[in-house]
Protein backbone atom coordinates (compact mmCIF):
# COMPACT_ATOMS: atom_id res chain seq x y z
CA MET A 1 5.54 23.68 -11.46
CA THR A 2 3.58 20.55 -10.54
CA LYS A 3 4.40 19.02 -7.17
CA ILE A 4 4.35 15.23 -6.84
CA ASP A 5 3.70 13.58 -3.49
CA ILE A 6 3.97 9.82 -2.97
CA VAL A 7 1.74 8.52 -0.17
CA SER A 8 2.86 4.97 0.48
CA GLY A 9 2.07 2.45 3.21
CA PHE A 10 1.62 -1.26 3.74
CA LEU A 11 -1.77 -2.90 3.26
CA GLY A 12 -4.46 -1.33 5.43
CA ALA A 13 -2.19 1.24 7.07
CA GLY A 14 -4.54 4.13 6.30
CA LYS A 15 -3.26 5.74 3.08
CA THR A 16 -6.76 6.44 1.76
CA THR A 17 -7.85 7.97 5.07
CA LEU A 18 -4.78 10.22 5.10
CA ILE A 19 -5.39 11.34 1.51
CA GLN A 20 -9.02 12.14 2.35
CA LYS A 21 -7.84 14.22 5.32
CA LEU A 22 -5.32 16.13 3.20
CA LEU A 23 -7.89 16.81 0.48
CA LYS A 24 -10.48 18.05 2.93
CA GLU A 25 -8.33 20.05 5.33
CA ALA A 26 -5.29 21.17 3.36
CA LEU A 27 -5.73 20.86 -0.42
CA HIS A 28 -9.35 21.93 -0.95
CA ASP A 29 -8.26 25.03 -2.92
CA THR A 30 -5.60 23.14 -4.90
CA LYS A 31 -6.02 21.45 -8.28
CA VAL A 32 -5.12 17.87 -7.39
CA VAL A 33 -4.98 14.65 -9.41
CA LEU A 34 -4.64 11.27 -7.74
CA ILE A 35 -2.83 8.45 -9.52
CA GLU A 36 -3.54 5.17 -7.81
CA ASN A 37 -2.23 1.66 -8.28
CA GLU A 38 -4.22 -1.31 -7.00
CA PHE A 39 -2.69 -4.71 -6.29
CA GLY A 40 -5.41 -7.09 -7.43
CA GLU A 41 -8.00 -7.67 -10.08
CA ILE A 42 -10.62 -5.18 -8.91
CA GLY A 43 -10.01 -1.50 -8.15
CA ILE A 44 -11.78 -0.49 -4.94
CA ASP A 45 -10.25 2.70 -3.52
CA GLY A 46 -11.41 4.78 -6.47
CA GLY A 47 -14.93 4.29 -5.15
CA PHE A 48 -13.92 5.63 -1.76
CA LEU A 49 -12.16 8.69 -3.15
CA LYS A 50 -14.32 9.76 -6.09
CA GLU A 51 -16.66 11.67 -3.79
CA SER A 52 -13.86 14.20 -3.22
CA GLY A 53 -13.93 15.25 -6.88
CA VAL A 54 -10.36 14.11 -7.50
CA GLU A 55 -9.65 12.80 -10.99
CA MET A 56 -8.76 9.12 -10.92
CA LYS A 57 -6.32 7.23 -13.11
CA GLU A 58 -6.40 3.66 -11.88
CA MET A 59 -3.96 0.97 -12.96
CA ASN A 60 -5.03 -2.55 -12.05
CA SER A 61 -2.31 -4.46 -13.83
CA GLY A 62 -0.76 -6.11 -10.80
CA CYS A 63 2.12 -5.24 -8.53
CA ILE A 64 3.26 -1.67 -8.79
CA CYS A 65 6.88 -2.56 -9.49
CA CYS A 66 5.83 -4.14 -12.76
CA SER A 67 2.98 -1.88 -13.85
CA LEU A 68 5.01 1.28 -13.33
CA VAL A 69 7.55 0.27 -15.96
CA GLY A 70 5.21 0.92 -18.85
CA ASP A 71 2.01 2.45 -17.56
CA PHE A 72 3.26 5.01 -15.11
CA GLY A 73 5.16 7.28 -17.46
CA ALA A 74 2.28 7.38 -19.93
CA SER A 75 -0.26 7.95 -17.16
CA LEU A 76 1.75 10.79 -15.67
CA GLN A 77 2.19 12.42 -19.07
CA GLU A 78 -1.54 12.14 -19.72
CA VAL A 79 -2.39 13.67 -16.35
CA LEU A 80 0.00 16.60 -16.83
CA THR A 81 -1.24 17.32 -20.34
CA THR A 82 -4.95 16.88 -19.69
CA TYR A 83 -5.39 18.44 -16.27
CA ALA A 84 -2.30 20.65 -15.68
CA PRO A 85 -2.64 20.06 -11.92
CA ASP A 86 -0.94 21.99 -9.16
CA ARG A 87 -0.30 18.73 -7.39
CA ILE A 88 -0.27 15.02 -8.15
CA LEU A 89 -0.78 12.52 -5.35
CA ILE A 90 0.50 9.02 -6.09
CA GLU A 91 -0.95 6.25 -3.94
CA PRO A 92 1.07 3.09 -4.68
CA SER A 93 -0.08 -0.42 -4.01
CA GLY A 94 0.34 -1.40 -0.37
CA VAL A 95 2.80 -4.10 -1.38
CA GLY A 96 4.88 -1.93 -3.72
CA LYS A 97 8.44 -0.89 -2.95
CA LEU A 98 8.75 2.85 -2.36
CA SER A 99 12.23 2.92 -3.89
CA ASP A 100 10.71 1.70 -7.18
CA VAL A 101 8.06 4.41 -7.15
CA ILE A 102 10.57 7.18 -6.43
CA ARG A 103 12.82 5.92 -9.21
CA ALA A 104 9.87 5.73 -11.63
CA VAL A 105 8.96 9.37 -10.89
CA GLN A 106 12.57 10.40 -11.27
CA ASN A 107 12.88 8.67 -14.65
CA VAL A 108 9.74 10.12 -16.24
CA LYS A 109 10.53 12.38 -19.18
CA THR A 110 8.12 15.29 -19.49
CA GLN A 111 8.11 18.79 -20.88
CA THR A 112 6.17 20.02 -17.85
CA GLU A 113 8.26 21.14 -14.91
CA VAL A 114 7.66 18.76 -12.01
CA SER A 115 9.24 18.23 -8.61
CA LEU A 116 9.09 15.31 -6.20
CA SER A 117 7.79 17.18 -3.19
CA SER A 118 7.56 14.33 -0.69
CA ALA A 119 7.71 10.59 -0.15
CA VAL A 120 5.47 9.64 2.75
CA VAL A 121 4.83 6.26 4.33
CA VAL A 122 1.88 5.50 6.61
CA VAL A 123 2.71 2.83 9.21
CA ASP A 124 0.11 1.04 11.32
CA ALA A 125 1.76 1.33 14.74
CA SER A 126 -0.23 -1.62 16.09
CA LYS A 127 1.17 -4.00 13.46
CA CYS A 128 4.62 -2.53 12.83
CA LYS A 129 6.54 -5.28 14.63
CA MET A 130 4.57 -8.11 13.01
CA TYR A 131 4.86 -6.74 9.47
CA ALA A 132 8.56 -5.92 9.87
CA LYS A 133 9.21 -9.52 10.86
CA ASN A 134 6.99 -11.27 8.33
CA PHE A 135 7.18 -8.99 5.26
CA GLY A 136 10.31 -6.96 5.85
CA GLU A 137 11.41 -6.93 2.22
CA PHE A 138 8.39 -4.80 1.29
CA PHE A 139 7.40 -3.18 4.59
CA LEU A 140 10.89 -2.00 5.53
CA ASN A 141 11.67 -0.78 2.01
CA GLN A 142 8.87 1.75 2.42
CA ILE A 143 10.26 2.94 5.75
CA GLU A 144 13.85 3.10 4.49
CA ASN A 145 12.95 5.35 1.58
CA ALA A 146 10.49 7.74 3.26
CA GLY A 147 11.14 11.34 4.18
CA LEU A 148 8.09 11.42 6.46
CA VAL A 149 6.70 8.47 8.44
CA ILE A 150 3.16 8.92 9.76
CA LEU A 151 2.07 6.41 12.38
CA SER A 152 -1.61 5.47 12.29
CA ARG A 153 -3.80 4.06 15.09
CA THR A 154 -1.54 5.42 17.84
CA GLY A 155 -4.66 6.48 19.75
CA ASN A 156 -5.69 2.83 20.09
CA ILE A 157 -2.49 1.38 21.54
CA SER A 158 -0.19 1.89 24.53
CA GLU A 159 2.65 4.40 24.59
CA GLU A 160 5.01 1.45 24.97
CA LYS A 161 3.82 -0.12 21.72
CA THR A 162 4.03 3.24 19.92
CA SER A 163 7.59 3.67 21.18
CA LYS A 164 8.46 0.18 19.91
CA ALA A 165 7.15 1.11 16.46
CA VAL A 166 9.27 4.27 16.46
CA GLU A 167 12.28 2.19 17.52
CA ILE A 168 11.79 -0.14 14.53
CA ILE A 169 11.44 2.84 12.20
CA ARG A 170 14.62 4.44 13.56
CA GLU A 171 16.54 1.21 13.06
CA HIS A 172 15.89 1.56 9.33
CA ASN A 173 15.61 5.32 8.81
CA ARG A 174 17.22 7.86 11.13
CA LYS A 175 16.58 10.91 8.95
CA ALA A 176 12.84 10.82 8.36
CA VAL A 177 10.43 12.99 10.32
CA VAL A 178 8.07 10.76 12.36
CA ILE A 179 4.53 11.75 13.35
CA THR A 180 3.17 9.84 16.37
CA THR A 181 0.27 12.11 17.39
CA PRO A 182 -3.21 10.63 16.73
CA TRP A 183 -4.62 12.07 13.51
CA ASP A 184 -7.76 13.44 15.11
CA GLN A 185 -5.54 15.81 17.09
CA LEU A 186 -3.84 17.15 13.94
CA ASP A 187 -5.10 19.32 11.12
CA GLY A 188 -4.37 18.23 7.55
CA ALA A 189 -2.47 21.48 7.05
CA GLN A 190 -0.01 20.47 9.78
CA ILE A 191 0.62 17.16 8.06
CA LEU A 192 1.07 18.85 4.67
CA GLN A 193 3.58 21.26 6.20
CA ALA A 194 5.57 18.30 7.56
CA MET A 195 5.45 16.69 4.10
CA GLU A 196 6.83 19.81 2.45
CA GLU A 197 9.64 20.58 4.88
CA LYS A 198 12.77 20.48 2.81
CA ASN A 199 15.93 18.81 4.05
CA ASP A 200 18.97 17.14 2.59
CA TRP A 201 17.20 13.78 2.76
CA MET A 202 15.39 14.17 -0.55
CA ALA A 203 18.47 15.14 -2.54
CA GLU A 204 20.53 12.38 -0.91
CA LEU A 205 17.83 9.78 -1.53
CA LEU A 206 17.37 10.66 -5.19
CA HIS A 207 21.12 10.53 -5.71
CA GLU A 208 21.40 7.17 -3.94
CA ILE A 209 18.55 5.60 -5.94
CA GLN A 210 19.96 6.88 -9.22
CA GLU A 211 23.39 5.44 -8.37
CA GLN A 212 21.84 2.06 -7.54
CA HIS A 213 19.93 2.08 -10.82
CA GLU A 214 23.02 2.90 -12.87
CA HIS A 215 25.07 0.30 -11.02
CA HIS A 216 22.53 -2.46 -11.70
CA ASP A 217 22.37 -1.54 -15.38
CA HIS A 218 25.94 -2.87 -15.54
CA GLU A 219 25.44 -5.85 -13.25
CA HIS A 220 22.30 -7.49 -14.49
CA HIS A 221 22.73 -11.09 -13.35
CA HIS A 222 19.75 -12.46 -11.53
CA ASP A 223 19.32 -16.00 -10.24
CA HIS A 224 15.89 -15.88 -8.64
CA GLU A 225 15.17 -19.18 -6.99
CA CYS A 226 14.50 -19.00 -3.32
CA GLY A 227 12.42 -20.54 -0.62
CA HIS A 228 11.41 -18.77 2.55
CA GLU A 229 9.61 -19.73 5.68
CA HIS A 230 7.14 -17.32 7.30
CA HIS A 231 7.09 -17.22 11.08
CA HIS A 232 4.06 -15.08 11.86
CA ASP A 233 4.34 -13.21 15.13
CA HIS A 234 0.81 -12.43 16.33
CA GLU A 235 1.61 -9.81 18.95
CA GLU A 236 -1.86 -9.46 20.36
CA CYS A 237 -2.18 -13.05 21.55
CA GLY A 238 1.45 -13.52 22.44
CA HIS A 239 1.85 -16.68 20.38
CA GLU A 240 4.26 -17.33 17.60
CA HIS A 241 2.79 -19.45 14.82
CA HIS A 242 5.21 -21.45 12.70
CA HIS A 243 3.24 -22.06 9.56
CA ASP A 244 5.44 -24.74 8.13
CA HIS A 245 4.35 -26.99 11.01
CA GLU A 246 0.85 -25.84 11.91
CA CYS A 247 -0.69 -24.70 8.66
CA GLY A 248 1.15 -26.71 6.08
CA HIS A 249 2.30 -23.59 4.22
CA ASP A 250 5.49 -24.14 2.31
CA HIS A 251 6.34 -20.89 0.57
CA ASP A 252 8.91 -21.96 -1.98
CA HIS A 253 8.89 -19.52 -4.85
CA HIS A 254 10.40 -20.23 -8.25
CA HIS A 255 10.07 -17.23 -10.50
CA GLU A 256 11.44 -16.29 -13.86
CA HIS A 257 11.45 -12.68 -14.96
CA GLU A 258 13.01 -10.92 -17.89
CA HIS A 259 14.65 -7.65 -16.99
CA GLY A 260 14.81 -4.99 -19.65
CA GLU A 261 17.03 -1.99 -19.28
CA ASN A 262 14.12 0.06 -17.90
CA CYS A 263 12.99 -2.52 -15.38
CA THR A 264 12.17 -0.91 -12.04
CA CYS A 265 10.96 -4.03 -10.32
CA GLY A 266 13.42 -3.71 -7.45
CA CYS A 267 14.75 -7.25 -7.89
CA HIS A 268 18.29 -6.02 -7.43
CA ASP A 269 17.76 -4.09 -4.23
CA HIS A 270 20.68 -5.03 -2.03
CA ASP A 271 20.48 -6.12 1.61
CA HIS A 272 17.17 -7.94 1.06
CA HIS A 273 15.82 -11.10 -0.51
CA HIS A 274 14.76 -10.27 -4.04
CA HIS A 275 11.08 -10.93 -4.52
CA HIS A 276 8.35 -9.42 -6.61
CA ALA A 277 5.19 -8.52 -4.75
CA ASP A 278 3.21 -11.00 -6.81
CA GLU A 279 5.44 -13.84 -5.61
CA VAL A 280 4.67 -13.27 -1.94
CA PHE A 281 1.20 -11.70 -2.09
CA THR A 282 -1.87 -12.80 -3.98
CA SER A 283 -5.29 -11.25 -4.41
CA TRP A 284 -8.79 -12.55 -4.88
CA GLY A 285 -11.73 -10.46 -5.93
CA LYS A 286 -15.23 -10.63 -7.30
CA GLU A 287 -17.90 -8.34 -8.66
CA THR A 288 -21.42 -9.17 -7.57
CA ALA A 289 -24.99 -7.93 -7.82
CA ALA A 290 -25.96 -9.87 -4.68
CA SER A 291 -27.00 -7.97 -1.56
CA TYR A 292 -25.48 -8.48 1.89
CA THR A 293 -26.66 -7.21 5.27
CA GLY A 294 -24.21 -5.53 7.61
CA GLY A 295 -24.47 -8.54 9.92
CA GLU A 296 -23.57 -10.94 7.11
CA ILE A 297 -20.57 -8.87 6.13
CA LYS A 298 -19.37 -8.66 9.73
CA GLU A 299 -19.67 -12.44 10.12
CA MET A 300 -17.71 -13.06 6.90
CA LEU A 301 -14.95 -10.65 7.89
CA HIS A 302 -14.58 -12.27 11.31
CA ALA A 303 -14.25 -15.61 9.52
CA LEU A 304 -11.16 -14.30 7.71
CA GLU A 305 -9.25 -14.60 11.00
CA ASP A 306 -9.21 -18.37 10.38
CA GLU A 307 -5.82 -18.49 8.72
CA LYS A 308 -5.76 -22.26 8.30
CA THR A 309 -8.90 -22.08 6.17
CA TYR A 310 -8.42 -18.89 4.15
CA GLY A 311 -4.68 -18.13 4.27
CA MET A 312 -3.05 -15.11 5.89
CA ILE A 313 -5.44 -12.25 5.10
CA LEU A 314 -3.75 -8.87 5.28
CA ARG A 315 -6.48 -6.72 3.76
CA ALA A 316 -10.07 -6.99 2.62
CA LYS A 317 -12.28 -4.20 1.39
CA GLY A 318 -15.31 -3.65 -0.72
CA MET A 319 -18.68 -2.07 -1.34
CA LEU A 320 -21.92 -4.06 -1.48
CA PRO A 321 -25.66 -3.33 -1.78
CA ASP A 322 -27.75 -4.20 1.27
CA GLY A 323 -30.97 -4.98 -0.62
CA ASN A 324 -32.84 -1.97 0.82
CA GLY A 325 -31.54 0.70 -1.53
CA LYS A 326 -28.45 1.40 0.54
CA TRP A 327 -24.81 0.37 0.21
CA THR A 328 -22.36 -0.96 2.77
CA TYR A 329 -18.63 -0.22 2.55
CA PHE A 330 -16.19 -2.33 4.54
CA ASP A 331 -12.51 -2.50 5.45
CA TYR A 332 -10.65 -5.30 7.19
CA VAL A 333 -7.13 -5.64 8.54
CA PRO A 334 -6.22 -8.36 11.07
CA GLY A 335 -8.03 -7.64 14.30
CA GLU A 336 -9.92 -4.62 12.99
CA ILE A 337 -13.19 -4.29 11.06
CA ASP A 338 -14.81 -1.10 9.77
CA ILE A 339 -18.34 -1.28 8.30
CA ARG A 340 -20.15 1.88 7.22
CA GLU A 341 -22.77 3.21 4.85
CA GLY A 342 -21.61 4.57 1.49
CA LYS A 343 -22.82 5.77 -1.89
CA ALA A 344 -24.17 3.41 -4.53
CA ASP A 345 -21.58 2.10 -6.99
CA LEU A 346 -21.94 0.56 -10.45
CA THR A 347 -21.76 -2.94 -9.02
CA GLY A 348 -20.77 -4.65 -5.79
CA LYS A 349 -17.06 -5.35 -5.32
CA ILE A 350 -15.00 -7.44 -2.93
CA CYS A 351 -11.19 -7.61 -2.84
CA VAL A 352 -9.02 -9.73 -0.53
CA ILE A 353 -5.20 -9.53 -0.39
CA GLY A 354 -2.85 -11.77 1.54
CA SER A 355 -0.36 -14.59 1.48
CA GLY A 356 -1.21 -18.22 0.71
CA LEU A 357 -4.86 -17.44 -0.07
CA SER A 358 -7.35 -20.28 -0.51
CA GLU A 359 -9.43 -18.90 -3.39
CA ASP A 360 -11.94 -21.76 -3.31
CA LYS A 361 -12.68 -21.15 0.36
CA LEU A 362 -12.96 -17.39 -0.19
CA GLN A 363 -15.39 -18.01 -3.02
CA GLU A 364 -17.48 -20.18 -0.70
CA LEU A 365 -17.35 -17.62 2.09
CA PHE A 366 -18.61 -14.74 -0.05
CA ALA A 367 -20.91 -16.85 -2.28
CA LYS A 368 -24.55 -15.82 -2.50
């Protein structure tokens, strides 16, 4: 029996950090394979995780709801046949819909006995309110379909803000177990135990998703022309920025998509606007042999806060040589920068994900 765990979470929530913690503190004696999907042109997280010895099967073909239709089943079959793992960890794209991933796992046909052990979502408690308001279609779908919600960065915010995040989660999922304790106070084994606790939620969820899928096989009419206006609520500064007036952003998406009978794109999810991730989010990336000092990287990441110039940046990460035989790894989410030393990679990589990106300005910013 191979157990499958889905570790989901919006951009920059801390999925990779959680997986590293589980591998080090709870799964070190377990044969584990990680299947990862990157939203964007350049896969980055594989570089962060390969030091753990986990086999990587990266899929860089775009939003997870599209790439899973064809690639996921074949990738899962290959992993099961080649490695016969005790456990498979699936780390979806941060902008994927968890309901799509669960359904894709459920629909995979394999001769190996597998079980969906858990569906976990990592939620950045400091940005929960903002993301729920601005990107609810994707952010809230992850919360609604999780059996375990793990709040990250609770040690850096007030109890009041943590409680507000829990309140938002409970508005959309009353059954999930919620972890609010800072991660440094928990052992990975405790988190794994919470992931594996069985309850009626999993059976109910699988049944509900299957019913939705069967229902939409019969009702396959899709008129996908919609415009939407983003009102970005920046909690930290207390201001509400209306981008249609201040930034000139007019997000009016016209998208055509052909839906085959096996489509798991989530377009038909009820109670939400029906968007693909690649309609709302875009990515920009580059590979480079140029070297950057830690100070230069820090200055560039701070510049990304300028939304009028670069667009709304939700996530930036990469690995770059510093010119002195060492490498610098970096992570960025709004209001938070992490720069550290890492192992040498094959080439330098930068990846930026957000909404309304100005690729020309990003190219200028990181040019060297």
